[in-house]
């Protein structure tokens, strides 16, 4: 070990680097799981928005509201479950306020009783999670319930109010009166549903946009994990080259020294 003092500083620095890289790798695994849960929730809300749009267009084309109210109520429950979804660290869409549900609702009646649009139903704060993913980069990975959920909750609120005979007051304010989706649909019902199509399409596009941003974060994390694995392997090799014994060389040196010692004994 007579030459190892030359490498002590490099060895200590390499072990410290290896520890940090392995910690990044462990943390990034949790982040990737969180991003996958975001994608699942956003995909679910996007599909739910599509289901509502399809039900609205079907009602317009057939002049029949059959199944429309049930679709609206089912969509509300689905979206609420996604926005209030949790992992081991708490509520996904609550910001740093992850110990209480970010959407304070229980039933669609609560949604109809909320402000228009329903900005008062959200309990998340504005602090998005930002994490360091390697030695040089940080990444904002947090998503907020009000940011991704306000539009779809507004659309569902408007449809639910109209279905209960109430004309929504959020913009654009439709022309009443509401006929509560009677069968067959009245002209006022038809006009209201036609007016909602553009809002629903915009809402679906915006959710798809959030999903795309999350997908970019997932791609960044995949690339980062590959880079970290390579750096960890290289660092382990560097450490091994300093401190690991070459068994063949060590045995040869030991044998040579034993022979030399035996010769010296024989001379004595």
Protein backbone atom coordinates (compact mmCIF):
# COMPACT_ATOMS: atom_id res chain seq x y z
CA UNK A 1 0.00 0.00 0.00
CA UNK A 2 3.03 2.32 -0.18
CA UNK A 3 1.63 4.30 -3.16
CA UNK A 4 -1.98 4.62 -2.00
CA UNK A 5 -1.38 7.93 -0.24
CA UNK A 6 -1.11 9.47 -3.69
CA UNK A 7 -4.74 8.52 -4.36
CA UNK A 8 -6.36 9.16 -0.99
CA UNK A 9 -7.89 12.50 -2.03
CA UNK A 10 -9.20 11.11 -5.33
CA UNK A 11 -10.55 8.03 -3.55
CA UNK A 12 -12.41 10.05 -0.91
CA UNK A 13 -13.82 12.39 -3.56
CA UNK A 14 -14.93 9.47 -5.73
CA UNK A 15 -16.67 7.72 -2.85
CA UNK A 16 -18.48 10.94 -1.97
CA UNK A 17 -19.53 11.35 -5.61
CA UNK A 18 -20.71 7.73 -5.77
CA UNK A 19 -22.84 8.22 -2.66
CA UNK A 20 -24.49 11.30 -4.16
CA UNK A 21 -25.09 9.61 -7.52
CA UNK A 22 -26.70 6.61 -5.86
CA UNK A 23 -28.91 8.93 -3.79
CA UNK A 24 -29.99 10.76 -6.94
CA UNK A 25 -30.79 7.40 -8.53
CA UNK A 26 -32.94 6.35 -5.54
CA UNK A 27 -34.75 9.71 -5.39
CA UNK A 28 -35.31 9.77 -9.14
CA UNK A 29 -36.99 6.38 -8.95
CA UNK A 30 -39.61 7.92 -6.66
CA UNK A 31 -39.97 10.91 -8.98
CA UNK A 32 -40.53 8.66 -11.99
CA UNK A 33 -43.25 6.84 -10.06
CA UNK A 34 -44.89 10.20 -9.27
CA UNK A 35 -44.75 11.27 -12.92
CA UNK A 36 -46.34 7.97 -13.96
CA UNK A 37 -49.18 8.64 -11.50
CA UNK A 38 -49.60 12.13 -12.95
CA UNK A 39 -49.83 10.63 -16.44
CA UNK A 40 -52.43 8.12 -15.31
CA UNK A 41 -54.57 10.83 -13.70
CA UNK A 42 -54.28 13.22 -16.66
CA UNK A 43 -55.05 10.46 -19.15
CA UNK A 44 -58.09 9.51 -17.09
CA UNK A 45 -59.37 13.10 -16.99
CA UNK A 46 -58.72 13.54 -20.71
CA UNK A 47 -60.71 10.40 -21.49
CA UNK A 48 -63.47 11.47 -19.11
CA UNK A 49 -63.69 14.85 -20.84
CA UNK A 50 -63.95 13.01 -24.15
CA UNK A 51 -66.77 10.87 -22.80
CA UNK A 52 -68.72 13.97 -21.74
CA UNK A 53 -68.15 15.60 -25.15
CA UNK A 54 -69.36 12.45 -26.90
CA UNK A 55 -72.47 12.31 -24.71
CA UNK A 56 -73.25 15.99 -25.42
CA UNK A 57 -72.87 15.54 -29.18
CA UNK A 58 -74.94 12.36 -29.11
CA UNK A 59 -77.71 14.19 -27.25
CA UNK A 60 -77.67 17.00 -29.80
CA UNK A 61 -77.74 14.64 -32.77
CA UNK A 62 -80.54 12.48 -31.38
CA UNK A 63 -82.40 15.28 -29.60
CA UNK A 64 -82.54 12.88 -26.67
CA UNK A 65 -80.85 13.36 -23.30
CA UNK A 66 -80.74 9.63 -22.59
CA UNK A 67 -77.63 8.82 -20.55
CA UNK A 68 -76.40 12.42 -20.49
CA UNK A 69 -77.09 13.15 -16.82
CA UNK A 70 -75.56 9.83 -15.77
CA UNK A 71 -72.46 10.60 -17.83
CA UNK A 72 -72.10 14.01 -16.16
CA UNK A 73 -72.42 12.58 -12.66
CA UNK A 74 -70.03 9.71 -13.42
CA UNK A 75 -67.50 12.13 -14.91
CA UNK A 76 -67.63 14.26 -11.77
CA UNK A 77 -66.86 11.30 -9.52
CA UNK A 78 -64.02 10.14 -11.78
CA UNK A 79 -62.38 13.57 -11.99
CA UNK A 80 -62.76 14.12 -8.24
CA UNK A 81 -61.03 10.80 -7.53
CA UNK A 82 -58.17 11.64 -9.86
CA UNK A 83 -57.65 15.14 -8.44
CA UNK A 84 -57.68 13.76 -4.88
CA UNK A 85 -55.41 10.80 -5.68
CA UNK A 86 -52.57 10.00 -3.27
CA UNK A 87 -49.24 8.25 -3.03
CA UNK A 88 -47.10 7.42 0.01
CA UNK A 89 -46.11 11.09 0.36
CA UNK A 90 -49.64 12.48 0.39
CA UNK A 91 -52.01 14.06 -2.12
CA UNK A 92 -50.46 14.35 -5.58
CA UNK A 93 -52.06 17.62 -6.66
CA UNK A 94 -51.98 19.56 -3.39
CA UNK A 95 -48.67 21.38 -3.88
CA UNK A 96 -46.80 21.39 -0.59
CA UNK A 97 -50.17 21.15 1.19
CA UNK A 98 -50.27 17.39 0.67
CA UNK A 99 -51.94 16.28 3.88
CA UNK A 100 -55.53 17.26 2.95
CA UNK A 101 -57.60 16.65 -0.20
CA UNK A 102 -56.93 19.43 -2.73
CA UNK A 103 -60.57 19.38 -3.89
CA UNK A 104 -63.03 19.98 -1.07
CA UNK A 105 -66.13 18.28 -2.47
CA UNK A 106 -68.12 15.16 -1.72
CA UNK A 107 -70.99 15.16 -4.22
CA UNK A 108 -72.00 16.87 -7.42
CA UNK A 109 -74.53 18.86 -5.36
CA UNK A 110 -71.55 20.45 -3.57
CA UNK A 111 -70.17 21.42 -6.98
CA UNK A 112 -73.45 23.06 -7.97
CA UNK A 113 -73.51 24.99 -4.67
CA UNK A 114 -69.95 26.31 -5.19
CA UNK A 115 -68.99 29.63 -6.75
CA UNK A 116 -69.23 30.00 -10.53
CA UNK A 117 -66.65 29.13 -11.77
CA UNK A 118 -65.84 26.87 -8.77
CA UNK A 119 -62.53 28.39 -7.70
CA UNK A 120 -63.48 28.01 -4.03
CA UNK A 121 -63.43 24.20 -4.10
CA UNK A 122 -59.62 23.93 -4.31
CA UNK A 123 -57.41 23.65 -1.21
CA UNK A 124 -53.99 23.23 -2.83
CA UNK A 125 -51.34 25.94 -2.53
CA UNK A 126 -49.13 27.28 -5.34
CA UNK A 127 -45.88 25.53 -4.40
CA UNK A 128 -44.95 23.00 -7.07
CA UNK A 129 -42.42 20.30 -6.24
CA UNK A 130 -38.95 21.06 -7.60
CA UNK A 131 -36.26 18.38 -7.28
CA UNK A 132 -32.55 18.05 -8.03
CA UNK A 133 -32.17 15.15 -10.44
CA UNK A 134 -28.36 15.10 -10.80
CA UNK A 135 -25.26 17.12 -9.98
CA UNK A 136 -26.21 20.03 -12.24
CA UNK A 137 -29.96 20.13 -12.84
CA UNK A 138 -33.24 20.69 -11.04
CA UNK A 139 -36.66 19.85 -12.47
CA UNK A 140 -40.11 21.20 -11.63
CA UNK A 141 -42.37 18.16 -11.46
CA UNK A 142 -45.33 19.31 -9.36
CA UNK A 143 -48.88 19.74 -10.67
CA UNK A 144 -51.72 21.55 -8.92
CA UNK A 145 -55.37 20.58 -8.68
CA UNK A 146 -56.75 24.02 -9.53
CA UNK A 147 -54.40 24.37 -12.49
CA UNK A 148 -55.49 21.18 -14.22
CA UNK A 149 -58.97 20.74 -12.73
CA UNK A 150 -60.69 24.13 -12.85
CA UNK A 151 -61.78 23.93 -16.49
CA UNK A 152 -63.24 20.45 -16.34
CA UNK A 153 -64.97 21.16 -13.02
CA UNK A 154 -66.42 24.36 -14.52
CA UNK A 155 -67.77 22.44 -17.52
CA UNK A 156 -69.30 19.78 -15.29
CA UNK A 157 -70.77 22.45 -13.01
CA UNK A 158 -72.44 24.22 -15.95
CA UNK A 159 -73.91 20.98 -17.29
CA UNK A 160 -75.10 19.86 -13.85
CA UNK A 161 -76.74 23.22 -13.13
CA UNK A 162 -78.58 23.21 -16.44
CA UNK A 163 -79.69 19.61 -15.86
CA UNK A 164 -81.25 20.84 -12.60
CA UNK A 165 -83.09 23.75 -14.19
CA UNK A 166 -80.56 26.47 -13.30
CA UNK A 167 -78.96 28.75 -15.89
CA UNK A 168 -75.18 29.01 -15.20
CA UNK A 169 -73.78 32.47 -14.48
CA UNK A 170 -70.19 31.72 -15.48
CA UNK A 171 -69.10 33.01 -18.88
CA UNK A 172 -70.34 32.51 -21.46
CA UNK A 173 -73.76 32.94 -19.87
CA UNK A 174 -76.28 30.90 -21.91
CA UNK A 175 -79.73 32.05 -22.88
CA UNK A 176 -82.41 30.38 -20.78
CA UNK A 177 -84.63 29.09 -19.62
CA UNK A 178 -83.29 25.65 -18.81
CA UNK A 179 -85.65 22.78 -19.49
CA UNK A 180 -83.51 20.34 -17.48
CA UNK A 181 -82.73 18.18 -20.51
CA UNK A 182 -86.31 17.09 -20.94
CA UNK A 183 -87.07 14.49 -23.60
CA UNK A 184 -87.10 15.44 -26.38
CA UNK A 185 -84.62 18.26 -25.93
CA UNK A 186 -86.06 21.74 -26.20
CA UNK A 187 -84.48 24.34 -28.48
CA UNK A 188 -82.99 26.03 -25.41
CA UNK A 189 -81.42 22.72 -24.31
CA UNK A 190 -80.05 22.18 -27.81
CA UNK A 191 -78.61 25.68 -27.99
CA UNK A 192 -76.99 25.31 -24.57
CA UNK A 193 -75.34 22.00 -25.45
CA UNK A 194 -74.08 23.33 -28.78
CA UNK A 195 -72.54 26.25 -26.92
CA UNK A 196 -70.76 23.87 -24.53
CA UNK A 197 -68.96 21.95 -27.27
CA UNK A 198 -66.24 24.59 -27.76
CA UNK A 199 -65.59 24.77 -23.99
CA UNK A 200 -65.32 21.00 -23.74
CA UNK A 201 -62.95 20.78 -26.71
CA UNK A 202 -60.71 23.51 -25.27
CA UNK A 203 -60.71 21.81 -21.86
CA UNK A 204 -59.68 18.47 -23.37
CA UNK A 205 -56.91 20.12 -25.41
CA UNK A 206 -55.56 21.86 -22.30
CA UNK A 207 -55.49 18.63 -20.29
CA UNK A 208 -53.65 16.99 -23.18
CA UNK A 209 -51.18 19.88 -23.01
CA UNK A 210 -50.55 19.24 -19.30
CA UNK A 211 -50.07 15.58 -20.11
CA UNK A 212 -47.55 16.51 -22.79
CA UNK A 213 -45.55 18.62 -20.33
CA UNK A 214 -45.53 15.72 -17.92
CA UNK A 215 -44.38 13.43 -20.73
CA UNK A 216 -41.41 15.72 -21.40
CA UNK A 217 -40.49 15.45 -17.72
CA UNK A 218 -40.72 11.65 -17.98
CA UNK A 219 -38.38 11.70 -21.00
CA UNK A 220 -35.94 13.92 -19.11
CA UNK A 221 -36.00 11.53 -16.16
CA UNK A 222 -35.42 8.49 -18.41
CA UNK A 223 -32.38 10.18 -19.97
CA UNK A 224 -31.11 11.25 -16.56
CA UNK A 225 -31.41 7.75 -15.11
CA UNK A 226 -29.42 6.32 -18.03
CA UNK A 227 -26.74 8.95 -17.48
CA UNK A 228 -26.64 8.29 -13.74
CA UNK A 229 -26.25 4.54 -14.27
CA UNK A 230 -23.29 5.19 -16.56
CA UNK A 231 -21.69 7.62 -14.10
CA UNK A 232 -22.16 5.18 -11.21
CA UNK A 233 -20.52 2.37 -13.18
CA UNK A 234 -17.59 4.59 -14.18
CA UNK A 235 -17.11 5.83 -10.62
CA UNK A 236 -17.15 2.28 -9.24
CA UNK A 237 -14.47 1.28 -11.76
CA UNK A 238 -12.35 4.29 -10.78
CA UNK A 239 -12.64 3.41 -7.08
CA UNK A 240 -11.88 -0.25 -7.80
CA UNK A 241 -8.74 0.67 -9.70
CA UNK A 242 -7.45 2.46 -6.61
CA UNK A 243 -8.38 0.20 -3.73
CA UNK A 244 -9.13 -3.31 -5.03
CA UNK A 245 -6.39 -5.94 -4.96
CA UNK A 246 -5.27 -7.64 -8.17
CA UNK A 247 -5.32 -11.21 -6.80
CA UNK A 248 -2.93 -12.69 -9.38
CA UNK A 249 -0.40 -9.92 -8.91
CA UNK A 250 -0.70 -10.10 -5.11
CA UNK A 251 -0.11 -13.89 -5.08
CA UNK A 252 2.91 -13.57 -7.38
CA UNK A 253 4.42 -10.84 -5.21
CA UNK A 254 3.79 -12.86 -2.04
CA UNK A 255 5.40 -15.97 -3.52
CA UNK A 256 8.43 -13.98 -4.65
CA UNK A 257 8.88 -12.44 -1.20
CA UNK A 258 8.48 -15.83 0.52
CA UNK A 259 11.25 -17.27 -1.64
CA UNK A 260 13.47 -14.31 -0.88
CA UNK A 261 12.82 -14.73 2.84
CA UNK A 262 13.60 -18.44 2.74
CA UNK A 263 16.86 -17.75 0.91
CA UNK A 264 17.85 -15.19 3.52
CA UNK A 265 17.11 -17.72 6.30
CA UNK A 266 19.27 -20.34 4.54
CA UNK A 267 22.15 -17.90 4.27
CA UNK A 268 21.87 -17.12 7.98
